[in-house]
Amino acid sequence: QVQLVESGGGLVQPGGSLRLSCEASGIIFNIYTMGWYRQAPGKQRELVAGIRSGGSTNYVDSVKGRFTISRDNAKNTVYLQKNSLKPEDTAVYYCNAELRSPSRSYDYWGQGTQVTVSS
């Protein structure tokens, strides 16, 4: 059974920092592309950051220079370090594990963790 368990969300003031963690089980973690998505009220879910099995990363423009995604394959965990937080970063953040092959695709999601940026 595949599980992605997020932690680290909460309430933070503008300009503050948070680190989200997502621990995976039930998958061969080091071959999956891992990603963090977010969904704000009334908006579509968007990809915030992704990290491939080889370590290359990508970010949505609105978080470049403020957020850093990383992975620890020994711990089956992906992280999202969020600095200089803004109220518009308020959303539910979801962890995703994705694996694509010519014949099959695998896509798993965590339950989400709320991040609220407010004074």
N, C-alpha and C. Protein backbone atom coordinates (compact mmCIF):
# COMPACT_ATOMS: atom_id res chain seq x y z
N GLN A 1 0.85 -1.19 0.00
CA GLN A 1 0.00 0.00 0.00
C GLN A 1 0.89 1.24 0.00
N VAL A 2 0.59 2.15 -0.93
CA VAL A 2 1.37 3.37 -1.05
C VAL A 2 0.81 4.43 -0.12
N GLN A 3 1.70 5.08 0.61
CA GLN A 3 1.30 6.19 1.47
C GLN A 3 2.28 7.34 1.31
N LEU A 4 1.72 8.54 1.20
CA LEU A 4 2.51 9.76 1.25
C LEU A 4 1.96 10.57 2.41
N VAL A 5 2.81 10.85 3.39
CA VAL A 5 2.35 11.53 4.60
C VAL A 5 3.08 12.86 4.73
N GLU A 6 2.31 13.94 4.59
CA GLU A 6 2.88 15.29 4.70
C GLU A 6 2.86 15.77 6.14
N SER A 7 3.79 16.64 6.45
CA SER A 7 3.82 17.30 7.75
C SER A 7 4.53 18.65 7.60
N GLY A 8 4.35 19.50 8.61
CA GLY A 8 5.06 20.77 8.64
C GLY A 8 4.23 21.99 8.31
N GLY A 9 2.97 21.81 7.99
CA GLY A 9 2.13 22.96 7.71
C GLY A 9 1.78 23.72 8.98
N GLY A 10 1.11 24.85 8.81
CA GLY A 10 0.70 25.63 9.96
C GLY A 10 0.47 27.08 9.61
N LEU A 11 0.41 27.89 10.65
CA LEU A 11 0.21 29.33 10.51
C LEU A 11 1.55 30.04 10.67
N VAL A 12 1.83 30.94 9.75
CA VAL A 12 3.09 31.67 9.80
C VAL A 12 2.83 33.11 9.35
N GLN A 13 3.61 34.02 9.89
CA GLN A 13 3.46 35.43 9.51
C GLN A 13 4.14 35.70 8.16
N PRO A 14 3.68 36.71 7.46
CA PRO A 14 4.35 37.09 6.21
C PRO A 14 5.84 37.34 6.46
N GLY A 15 6.65 36.84 5.53
CA GLY A 15 8.09 36.94 5.68
C GLY A 15 8.72 35.77 6.41
N GLY A 16 7.89 34.93 7.00
CA GLY A 16 8.39 33.79 7.75
C GLY A 16 8.74 32.60 6.89
N SER A 17 9.11 31.51 7.56
CA SER A 17 9.55 30.30 6.87
C SER A 17 8.83 29.07 7.42
N LEU A 18 8.72 28.08 6.58
CA LEU A 18 8.20 26.77 6.97
C LEU A 18 8.92 25.73 6.14
N ARG A 19 9.04 24.52 6.71
CA ARG A 19 9.54 23.41 5.92
C ARG A 19 8.51 22.29 5.94
N LEU A 20 8.06 21.92 4.76
CA LEU A 20 7.15 20.78 4.62
C LEU A 20 7.96 19.52 4.36
N SER A 21 7.46 18.43 4.90
CA SER A 21 8.07 17.12 4.67
C SER A 21 7.01 16.16 4.15
N CYS A 22 7.44 15.22 3.34
CA CYS A 22 6.54 14.18 2.84
C CYS A 22 7.31 12.87 2.83
N GLU A 23 6.88 11.96 3.68
CA GLU A 23 7.52 10.65 3.76
C GLU A 23 6.69 9.65 2.98
N ALA A 24 7.35 8.93 2.10
CA ALA A 24 6.67 7.95 1.24
C ALA A 24 6.96 6.54 1.72
N SER A 25 5.98 5.68 1.54
CA SER A 25 6.16 4.26 1.80
C SER A 25 5.40 3.48 0.74
N GLY A 26 5.87 2.28 0.47
CA GLY A 26 5.18 1.43 -0.50
C GLY A 26 5.61 1.64 -1.94
N ILE A 27 6.60 2.51 -2.17
CA ILE A 27 7.12 2.73 -3.52
C ILE A 27 8.64 2.67 -3.49
N ILE A 28 9.22 2.45 -4.68
CA ILE A 28 10.68 2.54 -4.80
C ILE A 28 10.98 4.02 -4.97
N PHE A 29 11.17 4.69 -3.86
CA PHE A 29 11.16 6.15 -3.81
C PHE A 29 12.15 6.77 -4.78
N ASN A 30 13.35 6.20 -4.89
CA ASN A 30 14.39 6.92 -5.62
C ASN A 30 14.19 6.94 -7.13
N ILE A 31 13.20 6.23 -7.65
CA ILE A 31 12.97 6.29 -9.09
C ILE A 31 11.79 7.18 -9.45
N TYR A 32 11.11 7.70 -8.44
CA TYR A 32 9.93 8.53 -8.67
C TYR A 32 10.31 10.01 -8.78
N THR A 33 9.59 10.72 -9.63
CA THR A 33 9.59 12.18 -9.61
C THR A 33 8.65 12.62 -8.49
N MET A 34 9.15 13.47 -7.62
CA MET A 34 8.36 13.95 -6.50
C MET A 34 8.00 15.41 -6.72
N GLY A 35 6.82 15.76 -6.29
CA GLY A 35 6.39 17.14 -6.49
C GLY A 35 5.55 17.64 -5.34
N TRP A 36 5.54 18.94 -5.22
CA TRP A 36 4.65 19.63 -4.29
C TRP A 36 3.68 20.47 -5.11
N TYR A 37 2.40 20.27 -4.85
CA TYR A 37 1.34 21.05 -5.47
C TYR A 37 0.64 21.84 -4.37
N ARG A 38 -0.11 22.85 -4.80
CA ARG A 38 -0.93 23.56 -3.83
C ARG A 38 -2.26 23.95 -4.46
N GLN A 39 -3.25 24.08 -3.59
CA GLN A 39 -4.58 24.50 -4.04
C GLN A 39 -5.13 25.50 -3.05
N ALA A 40 -5.36 26.70 -3.53
CA ALA A 40 -5.96 27.75 -2.71
C ALA A 40 -7.47 27.72 -2.93
N PRO A 41 -8.24 28.25 -2.00
CA PRO A 41 -9.70 28.25 -2.15
C PRO A 41 -10.14 28.91 -3.46
N GLY A 42 -10.97 28.22 -4.20
CA GLY A 42 -11.49 28.76 -5.44
C GLY A 42 -10.54 28.70 -6.61
N LYS A 43 -9.38 28.08 -6.43
CA LYS A 43 -8.39 28.01 -7.50
C LYS A 43 -8.07 26.56 -7.83
N GLN A 44 -7.48 26.38 -9.02
CA GLN A 44 -7.07 25.05 -9.42
C GLN A 44 -5.77 24.66 -8.72
N ARG A 45 -5.59 23.37 -8.59
CA ARG A 45 -4.35 22.87 -8.03
C ARG A 45 -3.22 23.18 -9.01
N GLU A 46 -2.09 23.66 -8.48
CA GLU A 46 -0.95 23.98 -9.33
C GLU A 46 0.32 23.33 -8.81
N LEU A 47 1.21 23.00 -9.75
CA LEU A 47 2.51 22.48 -9.38
C LEU A 47 3.37 23.61 -8.86
N VAL A 48 3.90 23.45 -7.67
CA VAL A 48 4.76 24.44 -7.05
C VAL A 48 6.23 24.13 -7.36
N ALA A 49 6.60 22.88 -7.14
CA ALA A 49 8.00 22.48 -7.36
C ALA A 49 8.05 20.99 -7.59
N GLY A 50 9.02 20.57 -8.40
CA GLY A 50 9.22 19.16 -8.66
C GLY A 50 10.70 18.82 -8.62
N ILE A 51 10.97 17.57 -8.29
CA ILE A 51 12.36 17.09 -8.29
C ILE A 51 12.39 15.69 -8.87
N ARG A 52 13.20 15.50 -9.89
CA ARG A 52 13.28 14.22 -10.57
C ARG A 52 14.20 13.25 -9.84
N SER A 53 14.19 12.02 -10.29
CA SER A 53 15.01 11.02 -9.63
C SER A 53 16.49 11.38 -9.68
N GLY A 54 16.90 12.06 -10.73
CA GLY A 54 18.29 12.46 -10.85
C GLY A 54 18.65 13.72 -10.10
N GLY A 55 17.63 14.38 -9.52
CA GLY A 55 17.88 15.56 -8.70
C GLY A 55 17.58 16.88 -9.35
N SER A 56 17.28 16.90 -10.66
CA SER A 56 16.94 18.18 -11.29
C SER A 56 15.61 18.68 -10.77
N THR A 57 15.49 19.99 -10.70
CA THR A 57 14.31 20.61 -10.09
C THR A 57 13.66 21.61 -11.03
N ASN A 58 12.40 21.90 -10.74
CA ASN A 58 11.69 22.95 -11.46
C ASN A 58 10.72 23.61 -10.49
N TYR A 59 10.44 24.88 -10.74
CA TYR A 59 9.59 25.67 -9.86
C TYR A 59 8.62 26.52 -10.67
N VAL A 60 7.47 26.77 -10.10
CA VAL A 60 6.58 27.77 -10.68
C VAL A 60 7.22 29.14 -10.45
N ASP A 61 7.01 30.06 -11.38
CA ASP A 61 7.71 31.35 -11.33
C ASP A 61 7.47 32.09 -10.01
N SER A 62 6.28 31.97 -9.46
CA SER A 62 5.92 32.77 -8.27
C SER A 62 6.71 32.38 -7.02
N VAL A 63 7.38 31.22 -7.03
CA VAL A 63 8.12 30.80 -5.83
C VAL A 63 9.62 30.72 -6.07
N LYS A 64 10.07 30.99 -7.28
CA LYS A 64 11.51 30.91 -7.58
C LYS A 64 12.27 31.87 -6.69
N GLY A 65 13.35 31.38 -6.10
CA GLY A 65 14.17 32.19 -5.22
C GLY A 65 13.69 32.19 -3.78
N ARG A 66 12.49 31.66 -3.54
CA ARG A 66 11.95 31.64 -2.16
C ARG A 66 11.78 30.21 -1.64
N PHE A 67 11.42 29.28 -2.52
CA PHE A 67 11.17 27.89 -2.14
C PHE A 67 12.29 27.00 -2.68
N THR A 68 12.60 25.96 -1.93
CA THR A 68 13.60 24.98 -2.37
C THR A 68 13.06 23.59 -2.11
N ILE A 69 13.03 22.78 -3.16
CA ILE A 69 12.63 21.38 -3.02
C ILE A 69 13.89 20.52 -2.95
N SER A 70 13.84 19.50 -2.10
CA SER A 70 14.97 18.59 -1.98
C SER A 70 14.44 17.21 -1.61
N ARG A 71 15.30 16.21 -1.75
CA ARG A 71 14.88 14.85 -1.42
C ARG A 71 16.01 14.14 -0.71
N ASP A 72 15.63 13.24 0.18
CA ASP A 72 16.57 12.36 0.87
C ASP A 72 16.11 10.93 0.57
N ASN A 73 16.77 10.30 -0.39
CA ASN A 73 16.35 8.96 -0.81
C ASN A 73 16.54 7.93 0.29
N ALA A 74 17.48 8.16 1.19
CA ALA A 74 17.70 7.22 2.29
C ALA A 74 16.53 7.23 3.27
N LYS A 75 15.84 8.36 3.33
CA LYS A 75 14.71 8.49 4.25
C LYS A 75 13.36 8.45 3.53
N ASN A 76 13.38 8.23 2.21
CA ASN A 76 12.14 8.22 1.43
C ASN A 76 11.32 9.49 1.66
N THR A 77 12.00 10.61 1.71
CA THR A 77 11.35 11.86 2.09
C THR A 77 11.71 12.99 1.12
N VAL A 78 10.70 13.78 0.79
CA VAL A 78 10.91 14.99 0.01
C VAL A 78 10.53 16.18 0.87
N TYR A 79 11.26 17.27 0.69
CA TYR A 79 11.07 18.46 1.50
C TYR A 79 10.74 19.66 0.62
N LEU A 80 10.06 20.62 1.21
CA LEU A 80 9.87 21.92 0.56
C LEU A 80 10.18 22.99 1.59
N GLN A 81 11.33 23.63 1.45
CA GLN A 81 11.70 24.75 2.30
C GLN A 81 11.12 26.01 1.72
N LYS A 82 10.32 26.69 2.53
CA LYS A 82 9.61 27.88 2.06
C LYS A 82 10.04 29.08 2.87
N ASN A 83 10.67 30.02 2.21
CA ASN A 83 11.12 31.25 2.86
C ASN A 83 10.39 32.46 2.30
N SER A 84 10.48 33.58 3.00
CA SER A 84 9.86 34.83 2.55
C SER A 84 8.41 34.61 2.16
N LEU A 85 7.68 33.95 3.02
CA LEU A 85 6.31 33.58 2.70
C LEU A 85 5.41 34.80 2.56
N LYS A 86 4.46 34.69 1.65
CA LYS A 86 3.51 35.76 1.35
C LYS A 86 2.09 35.26 1.59
N PRO A 87 1.17 36.17 1.84
CA PRO A 87 -0.23 35.72 2.03
C PRO A 87 -0.75 34.89 0.85
N GLU A 88 -0.30 35.19 -0.35
CA GLU A 88 -0.76 34.43 -1.51
C GLU A 88 -0.20 33.02 -1.57
N ASP A 89 0.70 32.67 -0.66
CA ASP A 89 1.17 31.29 -0.56
C ASP A 89 0.21 30.43 0.27
N THR A 90 -0.80 31.05 0.84
CA THR A 90 -1.78 30.30 1.63
C THR A 90 -2.52 29.30 0.75
N ALA A 91 -2.49 28.05 1.15
CA ALA A 91 -3.11 26.98 0.36
C ALA A 91 -2.97 25.67 1.12
N VAL A 92 -3.65 24.66 0.61
CA VAL A 92 -3.37 23.29 1.03
C VAL A 92 -2.27 22.77 0.10
N TYR A 93 -1.21 22.26 0.69
CA TYR A 93 -0.07 21.75 -0.06
C TYR A 93 -0.12 20.22 -0.08
N TYR A 94 0.03 19.68 -1.29
CA TYR A 94 -0.05 18.24 -1.50
C TYR A 94 1.27 17.70 -2.04
N CYS A 95 1.64 16.57 -1.54
CA CYS A 95 2.81 15.84 -2.03
C CYS A 95 2.36 14.87 -3.12
N ASN A 96 3.17 14.75 -4.16
CA ASN A 96 2.85 13.87 -5.28
C ASN A 96 4.06 13.02 -5.64
N ALA A 97 3.80 11.76 -5.97
CA ALA A 97 4.83 10.86 -6.49
C ALA A 97 4.38 10.38 -7.86
N GLU A 98 5.25 10.53 -8.85
CA GLU A 98 4.87 10.23 -10.22
C GLU A 98 5.95 9.38 -10.90
N LEU A 99 5.49 8.39 -11.65
CA LEU A 99 6.41 7.57 -12.43
C LEU A 99 5.76 7.29 -13.77
N ARG A 100 6.44 7.61 -14.83
CA ARG A 100 5.91 7.42 -16.19
C ARG A 100 6.78 6.43 -16.95
N SER A 101 6.12 5.49 -17.62
CA SER A 101 6.83 4.60 -18.52
C SER A 101 6.01 4.50 -19.80
N PRO A 102 6.59 3.93 -20.87
CA PRO A 102 5.80 3.83 -22.11
C PRO A 102 4.52 3.03 -21.94
N SER A 103 4.50 2.09 -21.00
CA SER A 103 3.34 1.22 -20.89
C SER A 103 2.43 1.55 -19.71
N ARG A 104 2.98 2.19 -18.68
CA ARG A 104 2.17 2.47 -17.50
C ARG A 104 2.57 3.80 -16.89
N SER A 105 1.65 4.30 -16.08
CA SER A 105 1.97 5.49 -15.30
C SER A 105 1.46 5.29 -13.88
N TYR A 106 2.17 5.90 -12.93
CA TYR A 106 1.84 5.79 -11.52
C TYR A 106 1.77 7.20 -10.96
N ASP A 107 0.74 7.44 -10.17
CA ASP A 107 0.51 8.78 -9.66
C ASP A 107 -0.11 8.66 -8.27
N TYR A 108 0.60 9.12 -7.26
CA TYR A 108 0.10 9.01 -5.89
C TYR A 108 0.11 10.37 -5.21
N TRP A 109 -0.86 10.55 -4.29
CA TRP A 109 -1.03 11.83 -3.62
C TRP A 109 -1.09 11.66 -2.11
N GLY A 110 -0.58 12.65 -1.40
CA GLY A 110 -0.77 12.72 0.03
C GLY A 110 -2.10 13.36 0.36
N GLN A 111 -2.37 13.47 1.64
CA GLN A 111 -3.67 13.96 2.09
C GLN A 111 -3.73 15.49 2.14
N GLY A 112 -2.58 16.13 2.06
CA GLY A 112 -2.52 17.59 2.08
C GLY A 112 -2.25 18.14 3.47
N THR A 113 -1.57 19.28 3.48
CA THR A 113 -1.31 19.98 4.74
C THR A 113 -1.57 21.48 4.52
N GLN A 114 -2.28 22.07 5.45
CA GLN A 114 -2.67 23.48 5.30
C GLN A 114 -1.52 24.40 5.68
N VAL A 115 -1.27 25.38 4.83
CA VAL A 115 -0.32 26.45 5.14
C VAL A 115 -1.08 27.76 5.05
N THR A 116 -1.05 28.52 6.14
CA THR A 116 -1.72 29.82 6.19
C THR A 116 -0.69 30.89 6.52
N VAL A 117 -0.61 31.89 5.64
CA VAL A 117 0.33 32.99 5.84
C VAL A 117 -0.51 34.23 6.16
N SER A 118 -0.42 34.66 7.40
CA SER A 118 -1.27 35.77 7.83
C SER A 118 -0.66 36.42 9.06
N SER A 119 -0.89 37.73 9.19
CA SER A 119 -0.44 38.43 10.38
C SER A 119 -1.57 38.51 11.41
